[in-house]
Protein backbone atom coordinates (compact mmCIF):
# COMPACT_ATOMS: atom_id res chain seq x y z
CA MET A 1 73.88 97.62 87.35
CA TYR A 2 77.06 95.23 88.02
CA ALA A 3 79.31 97.83 86.75
CA ASP A 4 78.20 100.84 88.32
CA LEU A 5 78.15 99.06 91.60
CA GLU A 6 81.62 97.74 90.63
CA MET A 7 81.06 94.46 91.38
CA ARG A 8 83.94 91.46 91.95
CA ASP A 9 82.76 88.20 89.56
CA ASP A 10 82.01 85.99 93.16
CA GLN A 11 79.76 88.83 94.20
CA ILE A 12 78.19 88.83 90.42
CA ARG A 13 77.65 85.23 90.53
CA ALA A 14 76.57 84.50 94.25
CA PHE A 15 73.57 87.23 93.15
CA LYS A 16 72.69 85.48 90.35
CA SER A 17 72.34 82.44 92.00
CA ALA A 18 69.94 83.69 94.63
CA MET A 19 68.18 85.48 92.06
CA ASP A 20 67.54 82.41 90.23
CA LYS A 21 66.59 80.22 92.87
CA PHE A 22 63.99 82.81 94.36
CA GLN A 23 62.62 82.78 90.40
CA GLN A 24 62.26 79.13 90.77
CA GLU A 25 60.81 79.16 94.49
CA ARG A 26 58.48 81.46 92.96
CA VAL A 27 57.05 79.54 90.15
CA SER A 28 56.78 76.81 92.06
CA LYS A 29 55.72 77.05 95.18
CA PRO A 30 51.51 77.32 95.62
CA ASN A 31 51.97 80.83 97.75
CA GLY A 32 55.15 82.02 95.07
CA GLU A 33 53.48 85.35 94.89
CA MET A 34 53.20 86.18 98.89
CA MET A 35 57.23 85.55 98.97
CA GLY A 36 58.35 88.97 97.30
CA SER A 37 58.31 91.59 94.73
CA VAL A 38 61.43 90.94 92.70
CA GLU A 39 63.17 94.36 93.46
CA ASP A 40 62.51 93.30 97.43
CA GLU A 41 64.27 90.71 97.17
CA ARG A 42 66.75 92.22 95.03
CA THR A 43 67.64 94.80 97.20
CA ARG A 44 67.41 92.07 99.80
CA GLN A 45 69.69 90.45 98.30
CA LEU A 46 72.47 92.64 97.66
CA GLU A 47 72.30 93.78 100.57
CA SER A 48 73.45 90.75 102.02
CA ILE A 49 76.35 90.54 99.46
CA LEU A 50 77.36 93.87 98.59
CA SER A 51 79.92 95.56 100.86
CA GLU A 52 78.40 98.74 102.17
CA VAL A 53 79.78 101.22 99.52
CA GLN A 54 78.72 99.00 97.18
CA PHE A 55 74.94 98.44 98.80
CA GLU A 56 74.75 102.85 99.67
CA LYS A 57 75.49 102.87 95.59
CA TYR A 58 73.00 100.56 94.90
CA GLN A 59 70.58 102.51 96.52
CA LYS A 60 71.91 105.49 94.59
CA TRP A 61 71.57 103.74 91.44
CA GLN A 62 67.98 102.31 92.61
CA ALA A 63 66.72 105.70 92.78
CA ASP A 64 67.92 107.20 89.76
CA ASN A 65 67.12 103.78 87.46
């Protein structure tokens, strides 16, 4: 995915960090399951990290995979 979206190292680090934090919060909170799905969170995080062009590539990548 990272290569397909042409993500820079700083974008990859930000994405991994955000997803790790999300996973930790889901596990540690009693209602963690109500935080949404991993896929929804991935899309939300990538939308905030990627450029508009990269996010369009992500949407196509997501539909194809």
